[in-house]
């Protein structure tokens, strides 16, 4: 079995790798890692919810004459699932936006947003 993961080369220009940062620079790098990881995880949850919803709707959609015994979609459950998926997306968006603003404010402190 072969892997489809593409590995990026380390310092391809022959230069030494950059030294690890410490202090607030290191904290900022860790914050980027953690917020991006959280956003990815939360968006995966939203994807899972919408995939389950789409699968259920697809089964009902293809059961044109009801011979497969699918029940009509429970629209209350659909709206609850959609709301939860949107809440997940909101969390990801809010966290990424906050991080983006924080970084921009640190890089351009005189240009407040």
Protein backbone atom coordinates (compact mmCIF):
# COMPACT_ATOMS: atom_id res chain seq x y z
CA UNK A 1 0.00 0.00 0.00
CA UNK A 2 1.45 3.39 -0.95
CA UNK A 3 0.90 6.64 0.89
CA UNK A 4 -0.70 9.61 -0.81
CA UNK A 5 0.84 12.06 1.66
CA UNK A 6 3.15 14.59 0.06
CA UNK A 7 6.11 15.48 2.24
CA UNK A 8 7.49 18.96 1.91
CA UNK A 9 11.27 19.25 1.77
CA UNK A 10 13.03 20.75 4.80
CA UNK A 11 15.38 23.61 3.88
CA UNK A 12 15.66 23.04 0.12
CA UNK A 13 17.86 26.09 -0.39
CA UNK A 14 20.71 24.61 1.64
CA UNK A 15 20.22 27.07 4.51
CA UNK A 16 20.04 25.98 8.11
CA UNK A 17 16.51 25.62 9.52
CA UNK A 18 15.30 28.66 11.43
CA UNK A 19 15.95 28.58 15.15
CA UNK A 20 12.88 27.98 17.34
CA UNK A 21 11.36 31.16 18.64
CA UNK A 22 10.69 31.76 22.32
CA UNK A 23 8.59 34.12 24.35
CA UNK A 24 5.59 35.77 22.72
CA UNK A 25 6.71 34.71 19.23
CA UNK A 26 6.52 31.07 20.33
CA UNK A 27 3.19 31.66 22.05
CA UNK A 28 1.79 33.14 18.82
CA UNK A 29 2.98 30.15 16.79
CA UNK A 30 1.38 27.77 19.30
CA UNK A 31 -1.84 29.78 19.19
CA UNK A 32 -1.96 29.50 15.41
CA UNK A 33 -1.47 25.74 15.67
CA UNK A 34 -4.15 25.25 18.30
CA UNK A 35 -6.75 27.54 16.75
CA UNK A 36 -6.23 26.07 13.27
CA UNK A 37 -6.50 22.55 14.72
CA UNK A 38 -9.67 23.45 16.60
CA UNK A 39 -11.20 24.99 13.47
CA UNK A 40 -10.35 21.90 11.43
CA UNK A 41 -11.88 19.63 14.07
CA UNK A 42 -15.02 21.73 14.41
CA UNK A 43 -15.48 21.92 10.64
CA UNK A 44 -15.10 18.13 10.49
CA UNK A 45 -18.00 17.87 12.95
CA UNK A 46 -20.10 20.14 10.74
CA UNK A 47 -19.19 17.99 7.74
CA UNK A 48 -20.17 14.82 9.59
CA UNK A 49 -23.54 16.27 10.57
CA UNK A 50 -24.31 17.45 7.04
CA UNK A 51 -23.13 14.17 5.51
CA UNK A 52 -25.51 12.19 7.73
CA UNK A 53 -28.30 14.59 6.82
CA UNK A 54 -27.54 14.28 3.10
CA UNK A 55 -27.40 10.47 3.34
CA UNK A 56 -30.79 10.33 5.03
CA UNK A 57 -32.31 12.73 2.52
CA UNK A 58 -30.78 10.78 -0.40
CA UNK A 59 -32.37 7.52 0.76
CA UNK A 60 -35.74 9.21 0.97
CA UNK A 61 -35.24 10.96 -2.37
CA UNK A 62 -34.49 7.72 -4.23
CA UNK A 63 -37.43 5.87 -2.67
CA UNK A 64 -39.86 7.34 -5.20
CA UNK A 65 -42.73 4.99 -4.53
CA UNK A 66 -42.04 4.24 -0.86
CA UNK A 67 -41.27 0.59 -1.60
CA UNK A 68 -38.02 0.77 0.36
CA UNK A 69 -39.89 1.80 3.49
CA UNK A 70 -38.19 5.14 4.09
CA UNK A 71 -40.01 7.53 6.36
CA UNK A 72 -40.57 11.17 5.46
CA UNK A 73 -37.85 13.43 6.76
CA UNK A 74 -38.52 14.83 10.21
CA UNK A 75 -38.10 18.53 9.45
CA UNK A 76 -37.71 19.35 13.15
CA UNK A 77 -34.73 16.99 13.26
CA UNK A 78 -33.43 18.46 9.99
CA UNK A 79 -33.55 22.02 11.35
CA UNK A 80 -31.90 20.91 14.62
CA UNK A 81 -29.09 19.22 12.69
CA UNK A 82 -28.65 22.22 10.41
CA UNK A 83 -28.54 24.55 13.41
CA UNK A 84 -25.87 22.42 15.07
CA UNK A 85 -23.79 22.28 11.88
CA UNK A 86 -24.07 26.05 11.51
CA UNK A 87 -23.09 26.53 15.16
CA UNK A 88 -19.96 24.46 14.50
CA UNK A 89 -19.15 26.57 11.46
CA UNK A 90 -19.71 29.74 13.51
CA UNK A 91 -17.25 28.55 16.17
CA UNK A 92 -14.59 27.88 13.53
CA UNK A 93 -15.22 31.19 11.80
CA UNK A 94 -15.18 33.20 15.02
CA UNK A 95 -11.97 31.60 16.29
CA UNK A 96 -10.16 32.01 12.96
CA UNK A 97 -11.36 35.61 12.62
CA UNK A 98 -10.21 36.46 16.14
CA UNK A 99 -6.80 34.95 15.45
CA UNK A 100 -6.53 36.81 12.15
CA UNK A 101 -7.37 40.14 13.76
CA UNK A 102 -4.92 39.53 16.62
CA UNK A 103 -2.10 38.77 14.20
CA UNK A 104 -2.92 41.76 12.00
CA UNK A 105 -3.06 44.07 15.03
CA UNK A 106 0.38 42.86 16.16
CA UNK A 107 1.87 43.32 12.71
CA UNK A 108 0.27 46.72 12.07
CA UNK A 109 -0.46 48.24 15.51
CA UNK A 110 -0.95 51.76 14.12
CA UNK A 111 -3.66 50.69 11.64
CA UNK A 112 -6.37 49.61 14.14
CA UNK A 113 -9.35 47.70 12.84
